[in-house]
Amino acid sequence: MRILLVEDTSDVAEAIVSHLARIGHTVEWESNGAAAGRRMAESYDLVILDVMLPQQDGFSLLEQLRGRGQKTPVLMLTACAEIEERVRALDLGADDYLIKPFDFRELDARIRVLLRRSGGESTNLIHCANVSIDRKSRSATLDGAPIDLTRREVTLLEIIAARPGRIFNKDELMDRLFTVDDTPNANTVEQYVARLRKKLAGAAFEIRTLRGLGYQLVLHAPADGGALH
């Protein structure tokens, strides 16, 4: 998903960005607190926020975010093990916290929990008709058989399969699939959708193109006319 990382220690940030990008997330990094405050007005699926930052600290950024009424999940990073700091972060509206240094496996697990929670889901699995997506393994199956998907194809499928019927415009998909450095355009999104359609031949749904609007996942009606399960 589209994640904003706010961390001023370069080697830590670069390691997090590299790791999360490798498993399919689109990560934007900001090292300056004041600049991060301006970025946080945008739409992200998750903000990973360090406490100690230049110009504006993580607590005031969190307070600013929640003061605007934004419900974006926030995972706080802190080098301090003091309970008072963790309590303050939670009271200001943080959804979770992680103490440095941390294992990437724990970071991944906490991110999955927050993304599940924000999507109203209770497990790492997304089921859409006869297709299943596993957020933990970053994989998908069709009728139980593995589908050979790239990490961005898995992410695209995850986005649209989690909300059947919703229309996603190209700009939104570009924001959630790519960073500015990727220099994507509308044609890039079209290419990914076309490749995904081919690999999902046999799925009990279709990805429709709605001219001038975007893309929509639509479930096929059952052959017997009964209810979908």
C-alpha atoms as a PDB file:
ATOM      1  CA  MET A   1       0.000   0.000   0.000  1.00  0.00           C
ATOM      2  CA  ARG A   2       0.989   3.663  -0.099  1.00  0.00           C
ATOM      3  CA  ILE A   3       3.064   4.406   3.002  1.00  0.00           C
ATOM      4  CA  LEU A   4       4.660   7.637   4.232  1.00  0.00           C
ATOM      5  CA  LEU A   5       7.821   7.065   6.274  1.00  0.00           C
ATOM      6  CA  VAL A   6       8.971   9.988   8.415  1.00  0.00           C
ATOM      7  CA  GLU A   7      12.457   9.187   9.730  1.00  0.00           C
ATOM      8  CA  ASP A   8      15.541  11.428   9.881  1.00  0.00           C
ATOM      9  CA  THR A   9      18.206   8.731  10.287  1.00  0.00           C
ATOM     10  CA  SER A  10      19.214   7.996   6.694  1.00  0.00           C
ATOM     11  CA  ASP A  11      20.505   4.444   7.059  1.00  0.00           C
ATOM     12  CA  VAL A  12      17.439   3.376   9.067  1.00  0.00           C
ATOM     13  CA  ALA A  13      15.062   5.016   6.576  1.00  0.00           C
ATOM     14  CA  GLU A  14      16.808   3.568   3.523  1.00  0.00           C
ATOM     15  CA  ALA A  15      16.675   0.080   5.025  1.00  0.00           C
ATOM     16  CA  ILE A  16      12.946   0.405   5.792  1.00  0.00           C
ATOM     17  CA  VAL A  17      12.145   1.810   2.335  1.00  0.00           C
ATOM     18  CA  SER A  18      14.121  -0.940   0.606  1.00  0.00           C
ATOM     19  CA  HIS A  19      12.508  -3.686   2.685  1.00  0.00           C
ATOM     20  CA  LEU A  20       8.920  -2.467   2.284  1.00  0.00           C
ATOM     21  CA  ALA A  21       9.334  -1.819  -1.444  1.00  0.00           C
ATOM     22  CA  ARG A  22      10.669  -5.353  -1.861  1.00  0.00           C
ATOM     23  CA  ILE A  23       7.452  -6.821  -0.445  1.00  0.00           C
ATOM     24  CA  GLY A  24       5.208  -4.657  -2.603  1.00  0.00           C
ATOM     25  CA  HIS A  25       4.493  -1.424  -0.748  1.00  0.00           C
ATOM     26  CA  THR A  26       4.896   2.041  -2.282  1.00  0.00           C
ATOM     27  CA  VAL A  27       6.943   4.041   0.212  1.00  0.00           C
ATOM     28  CA  GLU A  28       7.627   7.781   0.271  1.00  0.00           C
ATOM     29  CA  TRP A  29      10.270   9.027   2.687  1.00  0.00           C
ATOM     30  CA  GLU A  30      10.507  12.387   4.440  1.00  0.00           C
ATOM     31  CA  SER A  31      13.288  13.245   6.909  1.00  0.00           C
ATOM     32  CA  ASN A  32      12.158  16.714   7.977  1.00  0.00           C
ATOM     33  CA  GLY A  33       9.287  17.199  10.416  1.00  0.00           C
ATOM     34  CA  ALA A  34       7.923  20.414   8.910  1.00  0.00           C
ATOM     35  CA  ALA A  35       8.016  18.998   5.357  1.00  0.00           C
ATOM     36  CA  ALA A  36       6.376  15.792   6.618  1.00  0.00           C
ATOM     37  CA  GLY A  37       3.542  17.859   8.081  1.00  0.00           C
ATOM     38  CA  ARG A  38       2.739  19.213   4.628  1.00  0.00           C
ATOM     39  CA  ARG A  39       2.906  15.737   3.072  1.00  0.00           C
ATOM     40  CA  MET A  40       0.639  14.214   5.697  1.00  0.00           C
ATOM     41  CA  ALA A  41      -2.256  16.257   4.323  1.00  0.00           C
ATOM     42  CA  GLU A  42      -2.196  13.835   1.368  1.00  0.00           C
ATOM     43  CA  SER A  43      -3.875  10.420   1.325  1.00  0.00           C
ATOM     44  CA  TYR A  44      -1.803   7.484   2.617  1.00  0.00           C
ATOM     45  CA  ASP A  45      -2.744   3.990   3.753  1.00  0.00           C
ATOM     46  CA  LEU A  46      -0.254   4.207   6.624  1.00  0.00           C
ATOM     47  CA  VAL A  47       2.167   6.674   8.216  1.00  0.00           C
ATOM     48  CA  ILE A  48       5.293   5.358   9.958  1.00  0.00           C
ATOM     49  CA  LEU A  49       6.362   8.235  12.173  1.00  0.00           C
ATOM     50  CA  ASP A  50       9.569   8.680  14.160  1.00  0.00           C
ATOM     51  CA  VAL A  51       9.342  10.673  17.391  1.00  0.00           C
ATOM     52  CA  MET A  52      12.601  12.659  17.207  1.00  0.00           C
ATOM     53  CA  LEU A  53      12.690  14.791  14.057  1.00  0.00           C
ATOM     54  CA  PRO A  54      14.224  18.122  13.002  1.00  0.00           C
ATOM     55  CA  GLN A  55      11.970  21.234  13.021  1.00  0.00           C
ATOM     56  CA  GLN A  56       8.829  19.418  14.189  1.00  0.00           C
ATOM     57  CA  ASP A  57       8.679  16.284  16.337  1.00  0.00           C
ATOM     58  CA  GLY A  58       6.533  13.234  15.784  1.00  0.00           C
ATOM     59  CA  PHE A  59       4.146  14.008  18.643  1.00  0.00           C
ATOM     60  CA  SER A  60       3.159  17.405  17.230  1.00  0.00           C
ATOM     61  CA  LEU A  61       2.842  15.902  13.732  1.00  0.00           C
ATOM     62  CA  LEU A  62       0.516  13.223  15.086  1.00  0.00           C
ATOM     63  CA  GLU A  63      -1.522  15.829  16.975  1.00  0.00           C
ATOM     64  CA  GLN A  64      -1.740  17.911  13.798  1.00  0.00           C
ATOM     65  CA  LEU A  65      -2.889  14.909  11.741  1.00  0.00           C
ATOM     66  CA  ARG A  66      -5.613  13.929  14.196  1.00  0.00           C
ATOM     67  CA  GLY A  67      -6.622  17.577  14.648  1.00  0.00           C
ATOM     68  CA  ARG A  68      -7.535  17.663  10.955  1.00  0.00           C
ATOM     69  CA  GLY A  69      -9.778  14.659  11.501  1.00  0.00           C
ATOM     70  CA  GLN A  70      -7.603  12.312   9.427  1.00  0.00           C
ATOM     71  CA  LYS A  71      -7.932   8.671  10.444  1.00  0.00           C
ATOM     72  CA  THR A  72      -4.844   7.380   8.615  1.00  0.00           C
ATOM     73  CA  PRO A  73      -3.257   4.560  10.678  1.00  0.00           C
ATOM     74  CA  VAL A  74      -0.056   5.750  12.388  1.00  0.00           C
ATOM     75  CA  LEU A  75       2.765   3.513  13.591  1.00  0.00           C
ATOM     76  CA  MET A  76       5.168   5.437  15.841  1.00  0.00           C
ATOM     77  CA  LEU A  77       8.882   4.622  15.956  1.00  0.00           C
ATOM     78  CA  THR A  78      10.785   5.439  19.118  1.00  0.00           C
ATOM     79  CA  ALA A  79      14.240   4.740  20.529  1.00  0.00           C
ATOM     80  CA  CYS A  80      12.888   5.318  24.029  1.00  0.00           C
ATOM     81  CA  ALA A  81      11.558   2.405  26.041  1.00  0.00           C
ATOM     82  CA  GLU A  82       9.934   4.660  28.660  1.00  0.00           C
ATOM     83  CA  ILE A  83       6.255   3.857  29.170  1.00  0.00           C
ATOM     84  CA  GLU A  84       5.374   7.582  29.420  1.00  0.00           C
ATOM     85  CA  GLU A  85       6.432   8.189  25.825  1.00  0.00           C
ATOM     86  CA  ARG A  86       4.447   5.243  24.517  1.00  0.00           C
ATOM     87  CA  VAL A  87       1.361   6.265  26.512  1.00  0.00           C
ATOM     88  CA  ARG A  88       1.644   9.825  25.174  1.00  0.00           C
ATOM     89  CA  ALA A  89       1.804   8.542  21.576  1.00  0.00           C
ATOM     90  CA  LEU A  90      -1.282   6.372  22.063  1.00  0.00           C
ATOM     91  CA  ASP A  91      -3.203   9.161  23.819  1.00  0.00           C
ATOM     92  CA  LEU A  92      -2.465  11.516  20.918  1.00  0.00           C
ATOM     93  CA  GLY A  93      -3.959   9.033  18.455  1.00  0.00           C
ATOM     94  CA  ALA A  94      -1.175   6.638  17.423  1.00  0.00           C
ATOM     95  CA  ASP A  95      -2.479   3.200  16.463  1.00  0.00           C
ATOM     96  CA  ASP A  96       0.672   1.332  17.479  1.00  0.00           C
ATOM     97  CA  TYR A  97       4.330   1.897  18.370  1.00  0.00           C
ATOM     98  CA  LEU A  98       7.598   0.080  17.746  1.00  0.00           C
ATOM     99  CA  ILE A  99      10.789   0.454  19.763  1.00  0.00           C
ATOM    100  CA  LYS A 100      14.119   0.723  17.918  1.00  0.00           C
ATOM    101  CA  PRO A 101      16.018  -1.372  17.123  1.00  0.00           C
ATOM    102  CA  PHE A 102      13.408  -3.749  15.742  1.00  0.00           C
ATOM    103  CA  ASP A 103      13.236  -6.858  13.591  1.00  0.00           C
ATOM    104  CA  PHE A 104      11.702  -6.372  10.142  1.00  0.00           C
ATOM    105  CA  ARG A 105       9.447  -9.355  10.790  1.00  0.00           C
ATOM    106  CA  GLU A 106       7.814  -7.467  13.655  1.00  0.00           C
ATOM    107  CA  LEU A 107       7.506  -4.329  11.519  1.00  0.00           C
ATOM    108  CA  ASP A 108       5.795  -6.357   8.781  1.00  0.00           C
ATOM    109  CA  ALA A 109       3.392  -7.950  11.251  1.00  0.00           C
ATOM    110  CA  ARG A 110       2.421  -4.633  12.813  1.00  0.00           C
ATOM    111  CA  ILE A 111       1.853  -3.080   9.380  1.00  0.00           C
ATOM    112  CA  ARG A 112      -0.374  -6.001   8.368  1.00  0.00           C
ATOM    113  CA  VAL A 113      -2.444  -5.607  11.534  1.00  0.00           C
ATOM    114  CA  LEU A 114      -2.930  -1.881  10.981  1.00  0.00           C
ATOM    115  CA  LEU A 115      -3.865  -2.310   7.322  1.00  0.00           C
ATOM    116  CA  ARG A 116      -6.297  -5.101   8.212  1.00  0.00           C
ATOM    117  CA  ARG A 117      -7.842  -2.998  10.945  1.00  0.00           C
ATOM    118  CA  SER A 118      -8.284   0.037   8.687  1.00  0.00           C
ATOM    119  CA  GLY A 119      -9.902  -2.196   6.050  1.00  0.00           C
ATOM    120  CA  GLY A 120     -12.238  -3.836   8.567  1.00  0.00           C
ATOM    121  CA  GLU A 121     -10.617  -7.244   8.055  1.00  0.00           C
ATOM    122  CA  SER A 122      -9.617  -9.759  10.712  1.00  0.00           C
ATOM    123  CA  THR A 123      -7.078 -11.914   8.838  1.00  0.00           C
ATOM    124  CA  ASN A 124      -4.258 -11.516   6.314  1.00  0.00           C
ATOM    125  CA  LEU A 125      -6.371 -13.232   3.652  1.00  0.00           C
ATOM    126  CA  ILE A 126      -8.598 -11.426   1.178  1.00  0.00           C
ATOM    127  CA  HIS A 127     -11.129 -13.649  -0.578  1.00  0.00           C
ATOM    128  CA  CYS A 128     -12.820 -12.408  -3.727  1.00  0.00           C
ATOM    129  CA  ALA A 129     -14.926 -15.060  -5.469  1.00  0.00           C
ATOM    130  CA  ASN A 130     -12.478 -17.873  -6.404  1.00  0.00           C
ATOM    131  CA  VAL A 131      -9.349 -15.745  -5.886  1.00  0.00           C
ATOM    132  CA  SER A 132      -7.488 -15.439  -2.570  1.00  0.00           C
ATOM    133  CA  ILE A 133      -4.726 -12.961  -1.703  1.00  0.00           C
ATOM    134  CA  ASP A 134      -2.353 -13.536   1.210  1.00  0.00           C
ATOM    135  CA  ARG A 135      -0.983 -10.227   2.494  1.00  0.00           C
ATOM    136  CA  LYS A 136       1.713 -11.950   4.531  1.00  0.00           C
ATOM    137  CA  SER A 137       3.275 -13.995   1.735  1.00  0.00           C
ATOM    138  CA  ARG A 138       2.398 -11.411  -0.955  1.00  0.00           C
ATOM    139  CA  SER A 139       0.871 -14.151  -3.098  1.00  0.00           C
ATOM    140  CA  ALA A 140      -2.450 -15.053  -4.717  1.00  0.00           C
ATOM    141  CA  THR A 141      -4.279 -18.191  -5.801  1.00  0.00           C
ATOM    142  CA  LEU A 142      -7.036 -18.911  -8.321  1.00  0.00           C
ATOM    143  CA  ASP A 143      -9.174 -21.922  -7.429  1.00  0.00           C
ATOM    144  CA  GLY A 144      -6.389 -22.872  -5.020  1.00  0.00           C
ATOM    145  CA  ALA A 145      -3.633 -22.788  -7.685  1.00  0.00           C
ATOM    146  CA  PRO A 146      -0.836 -20.184  -7.378  1.00  0.00           C
ATOM    147  CA  ILE A 147      -0.939 -17.228  -9.778  1.00  0.00           C
ATOM    148  CA  ASP A 148       2.410 -15.949 -11.051  1.00  0.00           C
ATOM    149  CA  LEU A 149       2.206 -12.260 -10.175  1.00  0.00           C
ATOM    150  CA  THR A 150       4.818  -9.535  -9.739  1.00  0.00           C
ATOM    151  CA  ARG A 151       4.805  -7.593  -6.480  1.00  0.00           C
ATOM    152  CA  ARG A 152       3.021  -4.634  -8.116  1.00  0.00           C
ATOM    153  CA  GLU A 153       0.450  -6.929  -9.705  1.00  0.00           C
ATOM    154  CA  VAL A 154      -0.263  -8.436  -6.276  1.00  0.00           C
ATOM    155  CA  THR A 155      -0.638  -4.940  -4.837  1.00  0.00           C
ATOM    156  CA  LEU A 156      -3.000  -3.889  -7.631  1.00  0.00           C
ATOM    157  CA  LEU A 157      -5.101  -7.012  -7.132  1.00  0.00           C
ATOM    158  CA  GLU A 158      -5.141  -6.448  -3.373  1.00  0.00           C
ATOM    159  CA  ILE A 159      -6.375  -2.856  -3.819  1.00  0.00           C
ATOM    160  CA  ILE A 160      -9.292  -3.662  -6.106  1.00  0.00           C
ATOM    161  CA  ALA A 161     -10.249  -7.084  -4.672  1.00  0.00           C
ATOM    162  CA  ALA A 162     -10.593  -5.658  -1.158  1.00  0.00           C
ATOM    163  CA  ARG A 163     -13.409  -3.394  -2.402  1.00  0.00           C
ATOM    164  CA  PRO A 164     -15.440  -5.040  -5.190  1.00  0.00           C
ATOM    165  CA  GLY A 165     -17.725  -2.585  -6.915  1.00  0.00           C
ATOM    166  CA  ARG A 166     -15.703   0.483  -5.997  1.00  0.00           C
ATOM    167  CA  ILE A 167     -14.380   2.573  -8.894  1.00  0.00           C
ATOM    168  CA  PHE A 168     -10.652   3.381  -8.743  1.00  0.00           C
ATOM    169  CA  ASN A 169      -9.461   6.148 -11.034  1.00  0.00           C
ATOM    170  CA  LYS A 170      -6.027   6.017 -12.656  1.00  0.00           C
ATOM    171  CA  ASP A 171      -4.574   8.807 -10.535  1.00  0.00           C
ATOM    172  CA  GLU A 172      -5.489   6.994  -7.321  1.00  0.00           C
ATOM    173  CA  LEU A 173      -3.963   3.737  -8.558  1.00  0.00           C
ATOM    174  CA  MET A 174      -0.798   5.559  -9.651  1.00  0.00           C
ATOM    175  CA  ASP A 175      -0.464   7.106  -6.181  1.00  0.00           C
ATOM    176  CA  ARG A 176      -0.876   3.740  -4.470  1.00  0.00           C
ATOM    177  CA  LEU A 177       1.314   1.683  -6.810  1.00  0.00           C
ATOM    178  CA  PHE A 178       4.217   3.997  -7.600  1.00  0.00           C
ATOM    179  CA  THR A 179       6.451   6.663  -6.135  1.00  0.00           C
ATOM    180  CA  VAL A 180       7.326   9.920  -7.892  1.00  0.00           C
ATOM    181  CA  ASP A 181      10.729   8.434  -8.764  1.00  0.00           C
ATOM    182  CA  ASP A 182       9.012   5.724 -10.822  1.00  0.00           C
ATOM    183  CA  THR A 183       7.678   8.409 -13.232  1.00  0.00           C
ATOM    184  CA  PRO A 184       4.430   6.494 -13.910  1.00  0.00           C
ATOM    185  CA  ASN A 185       1.647   7.675 -16.202  1.00  0.00           C
ATOM    186  CA  ALA A 186      -1.866   6.599 -17.183  1.00  0.00           C
ATOM    187  CA  ASN A 187      -0.472   4.164 -19.758  1.00  0.00           C
ATOM    188  CA  THR A 188       1.570   2.432 -17.041  1.00  0.00           C
ATOM    189  CA  VAL A 189      -1.591   1.736 -15.051  1.00  0.00           C
ATOM    190  CA  GLU A 190      -3.358   0.456 -18.181  1.00  0.00           C
ATOM    191  CA  GLN A 191      -0.499  -1.957 -18.834  1.00  0.00           C
ATOM    192  CA  TYR A 192      -0.626  -3.373 -15.306  1.00  0.00           C
ATOM    193  CA  VAL A 193      -4.401  -3.799 -15.469  1.00  0.00           C
ATOM    194  CA  ALA A 194      -4.113  -5.543 -18.863  1.00  0.00           C
ATOM    195  CA  ARG A 195      -1.456  -7.958 -17.557  1.00  0.00           C
ATOM    196  CA  LEU A 196      -3.497  -8.678 -14.447  1.00  0.00           C
ATOM    197  CA  ARG A 197      -6.589  -9.456 -16.525  1.00  0.00           C
ATOM    198  CA  LYS A 198      -4.659 -12.034 -18.556  1.00  0.00           C
ATOM    199  CA  LYS A 199      -3.313 -13.743 -15.468  1.00  0.00           C
ATOM    200  CA  LEU A 200      -6.777 -13.837 -13.899  1.00  0.00           C
ATOM    201  CA  ALA A 201      -8.453 -15.652 -16.782  1.00  0.00           C
ATOM    202  CA  GLY A 202     -10.887 -18.029 -15.097  1.00  0.00           C
ATOM    203  CA  ALA A 203     -11.605 -15.743 -12.142  1.00  0.00           C
ATOM    204  CA  ALA A 204     -15.258 -15.376 -11.200  1.00  0.00           C
ATOM    205  CA  PHE A 205     -15.048 -11.622 -11.656  1.00  0.00           C
ATOM    206  CA  GLU A 206     -13.870  -9.101 -14.210  1.00  0.00           C
ATOM    207  CA  ILE A 207     -11.958  -5.852 -14.016  1.00  0.00           C
ATOM    208  CA  ARG A 208     -14.042  -3.415 -16.031  1.00  0.00           C
ATOM    209  CA  THR A 209     -12.790  -0.233 -17.636  1.00  0.00           C
ATOM    210  CA  LEU A 210     -15.245   2.598 -17.126  1.00  0.00           C
ATOM    211  CA  ARG A 211     -14.316   5.215 -19.693  1.00  0.00           C
ATOM    212  CA  GLY A 212     -13.428   8.518 -18.089  1.00  0.00           C
ATOM    213  CA  LEU A 213     -13.862   7.073 -14.579  1.00  0.00           C
ATOM    214  CA  GLY A 214     -11.378   4.257 -13.994  1.00  0.00           C
ATOM    215  CA  TYR A 215     -11.545   0.567 -13.111  1.00  0.00           C
ATOM    216  CA  GLN A 216     -14.047  -1.535 -11.199  1.00  0.00           C
ATOM    217  CA  LEU A 217     -13.963  -5.164 -10.066  1.00  0.00           C
ATOM    218  CA  VAL A 218     -17.362  -6.734 -10.769  1.00  0.00           C
ATOM    219  CA  LEU A 219     -18.332 -10.215  -9.568  1.00  0.00           C
ATOM    220  CA  HIS A 220     -19.937 -12.583 -12.064  1.00  0.00           C
ATOM    221  CA  ALA A 221     -23.494 -13.628 -11.303  1.00  0.00           C
ATOM    222  CA  PRO A 222     -23.801 -17.325 -10.276  1.00  0.00           C
ATOM    223  CA  ALA A 223     -24.819 -19.642 -13.118  1.00  0.00           C
ATOM    224  CA  ASP A 224     -27.932 -20.751 -11.195  1.00  0.00           C
ATOM    225  CA  GLY A 225     -28.963 -17.198 -10.458  1.00  0.00           C
ATOM    226  CA  GLY A 226     -28.527 -17.773  -6.718  1.00  0.00           C
ATOM    227  CA  ALA A 227     -26.719 -15.659  -4.191  1.00  0.00           C
ATOM    228  CA  LEU A 228     -22.969 -15.138  -4.229  1.00  0.00           C
ATOM    229  CA  HIS A 229     -21.063 -16.637  -1.329  1.00  0.00           C
END
